[in-house]
Amino acid sequence: MEVCVEVYVNALGLLLRVDVRGELDVFEDRLKILAACLTDQASWFMEWHLDLLILWALAFTREFSKAEDLLKGLKFRLSTMWKKKRQVIQGAMVVCSDFCFLWHL
């Protein structure tokens, strides 16, 4: 990944906040460009919060097969964690799984 992780986190975080407010249609083309950059698996599994934001971006832009691949990888990583850490992250994983499922509908 040539761009610093923080740049992706900030960009995706901003776009998610805009989406939550119902205004993403103005920036949807930017999200599609960013999501296209993030389909490369080299940018996955670097930081949990980035992975969850990438998952949202891929699902939103209808990159369902890539989103499912990332989700499977995240679930595997989750299964190898200590119980205490797994419990902390598991809630976010459930939300992300549900979110990806909803986009499929």
C-alpha atoms as a PDB file:
ATOM      1  CA  MET A   1       0.000   0.000   0.000  1.00  0.00           C
ATOM      2  CA  GLU A   2       1.692   3.162  -1.156  1.00  0.00           C
ATOM      3  CA  VAL A   3      -0.560   5.570   0.711  1.00  0.00           C
ATOM      4  CA  CYS A   4      -0.298   5.831   4.485  1.00  0.00           C
ATOM      5  CA  VAL A   5      -2.948   3.857   6.384  1.00  0.00           C
ATOM      6  CA  GLU A   6      -4.133   7.046   8.104  1.00  0.00           C
ATOM      7  CA  VAL A   7      -5.067   8.572   4.751  1.00  0.00           C
ATOM      8  CA  TYR A   8      -7.394   5.662   3.959  1.00  0.00           C
ATOM      9  CA  VAL A   9      -8.857   5.645   7.477  1.00  0.00           C
ATOM     10  CA  ASN A  10      -9.532   9.386   7.331  1.00  0.00           C
ATOM     11  CA  ALA A  11     -11.000   9.300   3.821  1.00  0.00           C
ATOM     12  CA  LEU A  12     -13.242   6.313   4.515  1.00  0.00           C
ATOM     13  CA  GLY A  13     -14.249   7.676   7.907  1.00  0.00           C
ATOM     14  CA  LEU A  14     -15.270  10.982   6.356  1.00  0.00           C
ATOM     15  CA  LEU A  15     -17.256   9.263   3.617  1.00  0.00           C
ATOM     16  CA  LEU A  16     -18.983   7.025   6.165  1.00  0.00           C
ATOM     17  CA  ARG A  17     -19.981  10.077   8.215  1.00  0.00           C
ATOM     18  CA  VAL A  18     -21.340  11.727   5.070  1.00  0.00           C
ATOM     19  CA  ASP A  19     -23.266   8.543   4.257  1.00  0.00           C
ATOM     20  CA  VAL A  20     -24.762   8.359   7.756  1.00  0.00           C
ATOM     21  CA  ARG A  21     -26.068  11.885   7.204  1.00  0.00           C
ATOM     22  CA  GLY A  22     -27.639  10.802   3.906  1.00  0.00           C
ATOM     23  CA  GLU A  23     -25.492  13.015   1.695  1.00  0.00           C
ATOM     24  CA  LEU A  24     -23.129  10.512   0.059  1.00  0.00           C
ATOM     25  CA  ASP A  25     -24.663  10.853  -3.406  1.00  0.00           C
ATOM     26  CA  VAL A  26     -22.515  13.975  -3.911  1.00  0.00           C
ATOM     27  CA  PHE A  27     -19.344  11.992  -3.163  1.00  0.00           C
ATOM     28  CA  GLU A  28     -20.326   8.544  -4.405  1.00  0.00           C
ATOM     29  CA  ASP A  29     -17.907   8.696  -7.339  1.00  0.00           C
ATOM     30  CA  ARG A  30     -15.050   9.371  -4.890  1.00  0.00           C
ATOM     31  CA  LEU A  31     -16.052   6.365  -2.808  1.00  0.00           C
ATOM     32  CA  LYS A  32     -16.080   4.158  -5.907  1.00  0.00           C
ATOM     33  CA  ILE A  33     -12.557   5.282  -6.811  1.00  0.00           C
ATOM     34  CA  LEU A  34     -11.347   4.703  -3.267  1.00  0.00           C
ATOM     35  CA  ALA A  35     -13.053   1.302  -3.036  1.00  0.00           C
ATOM     36  CA  ALA A  36     -11.434   0.265  -6.322  1.00  0.00           C
ATOM     37  CA  CYS A  37      -8.041   1.011  -4.766  1.00  0.00           C
ATOM     38  CA  LEU A  38      -8.951  -1.041  -1.708  1.00  0.00           C
ATOM     39  CA  THR A  39      -9.972  -4.218  -3.535  1.00  0.00           C
ATOM     40  CA  ASP A  40      -6.286  -5.082  -3.555  1.00  0.00           C
ATOM     41  CA  GLN A  41      -5.762  -7.509  -0.694  1.00  0.00           C
ATOM     42  CA  ALA A  42      -2.396  -5.920   0.076  1.00  0.00           C
ATOM     43  CA  SER A  43      -4.313  -3.178   1.902  1.00  0.00           C
ATOM     44  CA  TRP A  44      -6.247  -5.627   4.076  1.00  0.00           C
ATOM     45  CA  PHE A  45      -5.472  -6.879   7.595  1.00  0.00           C
ATOM     46  CA  MET A  46      -3.248  -3.956   8.544  1.00  0.00           C
ATOM     47  CA  GLU A  47      -5.512  -2.385  11.153  1.00  0.00           C
ATOM     48  CA  TRP A  48      -8.923  -3.506  12.388  1.00  0.00           C
ATOM     49  CA  HIS A  49     -10.634  -0.158  12.014  1.00  0.00           C
ATOM     50  CA  LEU A  50      -9.344   0.186   8.457  1.00  0.00           C
ATOM     51  CA  ASP A  51     -10.565  -3.314   7.616  1.00  0.00           C
ATOM     52  CA  LEU A  52     -14.045  -2.511   8.913  1.00  0.00           C
ATOM     53  CA  LEU A  53     -14.157   0.714   6.908  1.00  0.00           C
ATOM     54  CA  ILE A  54     -12.932  -1.125   3.797  1.00  0.00           C
ATOM     55  CA  LEU A  55     -15.673  -3.690   4.348  1.00  0.00           C
ATOM     56  CA  TRP A  56     -18.271  -0.911   4.416  1.00  0.00           C
ATOM     57  CA  ALA A  57     -16.835   0.686   1.253  1.00  0.00           C
ATOM     58  CA  LEU A  58     -16.747  -2.603  -0.646  1.00  0.00           C
ATOM     59  CA  ALA A  59     -20.313  -3.463   0.346  1.00  0.00           C
ATOM     60  CA  PHE A  60     -21.565   0.025  -0.524  1.00  0.00           C
ATOM     61  CA  THR A  61     -19.961  -0.085  -3.970  1.00  0.00           C
ATOM     62  CA  ARG A  62     -21.372  -3.576  -4.593  1.00  0.00           C
ATOM     63  CA  GLU A  63     -17.970  -5.317  -4.537  1.00  0.00           C
ATOM     64  CA  PHE A  64     -19.673  -8.184  -2.713  1.00  0.00           C
ATOM     65  CA  SER A  65     -17.225 -10.957  -3.551  1.00  0.00           C
ATOM     66  CA  LYS A  66     -14.297  -8.866  -2.299  1.00  0.00           C
ATOM     67  CA  ALA A  67     -16.273  -7.834   0.801  1.00  0.00           C
ATOM     68  CA  GLU A  68     -17.028 -11.490   1.525  1.00  0.00           C
ATOM     69  CA  ASP A  69     -13.357 -12.426   1.087  1.00  0.00           C
ATOM     70  CA  LEU A  70     -12.342  -9.703   3.526  1.00  0.00           C
ATOM     71  CA  LEU A  71     -15.062 -10.709   5.980  1.00  0.00           C
ATOM     72  CA  LYS A  72     -13.948 -14.358   5.883  1.00  0.00           C
ATOM     73  CA  GLY A  73     -10.375 -13.286   6.550  1.00  0.00           C
ATOM     74  CA  LEU A  74     -11.471 -11.096   9.442  1.00  0.00           C
ATOM     75  CA  LYS A  75     -13.511 -13.929  10.932  1.00  0.00           C
ATOM     76  CA  PHE A  76     -10.498 -16.227  10.696  1.00  0.00           C
ATOM     77  CA  ARG A  77      -8.278 -13.657  12.418  1.00  0.00           C
ATOM     78  CA  LEU A  78     -10.936 -13.245  15.070  1.00  0.00           C
ATOM     79  CA  SER A  79     -11.035 -16.990  15.713  1.00  0.00           C
ATOM     80  CA  THR A  80      -7.295 -17.048  16.455  1.00  0.00           C
ATOM     81  CA  MET A  81      -7.412 -14.291  19.088  1.00  0.00           C
ATOM     82  CA  TRP A  82      -7.434 -14.588  22.832  1.00  0.00           C
ATOM     83  CA  LYS A  83     -10.948 -14.785  24.243  1.00  0.00           C
ATOM     84  CA  LYS A  84     -10.894 -11.355  25.894  1.00  0.00           C
ATOM     85  CA  LYS A  85      -9.708  -9.538  22.765  1.00  0.00           C
ATOM     86  CA  ARG A  86     -12.084 -11.562  20.587  1.00  0.00           C
ATOM     87  CA  GLN A  87     -15.064 -10.425  22.694  1.00  0.00           C
ATOM     88  CA  VAL A  88     -14.146  -6.774  22.173  1.00  0.00           C
ATOM     89  CA  ILE A  89     -13.937  -7.052  18.400  1.00  0.00           C
ATOM     90  CA  GLN A  90     -16.740  -9.565  17.889  1.00  0.00           C
ATOM     91  CA  GLY A  91     -19.493  -6.946  18.268  1.00  0.00           C
ATOM     92  CA  ALA A  92     -18.108  -4.908  15.388  1.00  0.00           C
ATOM     93  CA  MET A  93     -17.797  -8.048  13.291  1.00  0.00           C
ATOM     94  CA  VAL A  94     -21.484  -8.887  13.811  1.00  0.00           C
ATOM     95  CA  VAL A  95     -22.497  -5.403  12.719  1.00  0.00           C
ATOM     96  CA  CYS A  96     -20.269  -5.614   9.637  1.00  0.00           C
ATOM     97  CA  SER A  97     -21.582  -9.054   8.708  1.00  0.00           C
ATOM     98  CA  ASP A  98     -25.153  -7.808   8.982  1.00  0.00           C
ATOM     99  CA  PHE A  99     -24.328  -4.690   7.017  1.00  0.00           C
ATOM    100  CA  CYS A 100     -22.832  -6.690   4.136  1.00  0.00           C
ATOM    101  CA  PHE A 101     -25.832  -8.989   4.155  1.00  0.00           C
ATOM    102  CA  LEU A 102     -28.227  -6.026   3.937  1.00  0.00           C
ATOM    103  CA  TRP A 103     -26.405  -4.637   0.919  1.00  0.00           C
ATOM    104  CA  HIS A 104     -26.922  -7.967  -0.868  1.00  0.00           C
ATOM    105  CA  LEU A 105     -30.696  -7.590  -0.632  1.00  0.00           C
END
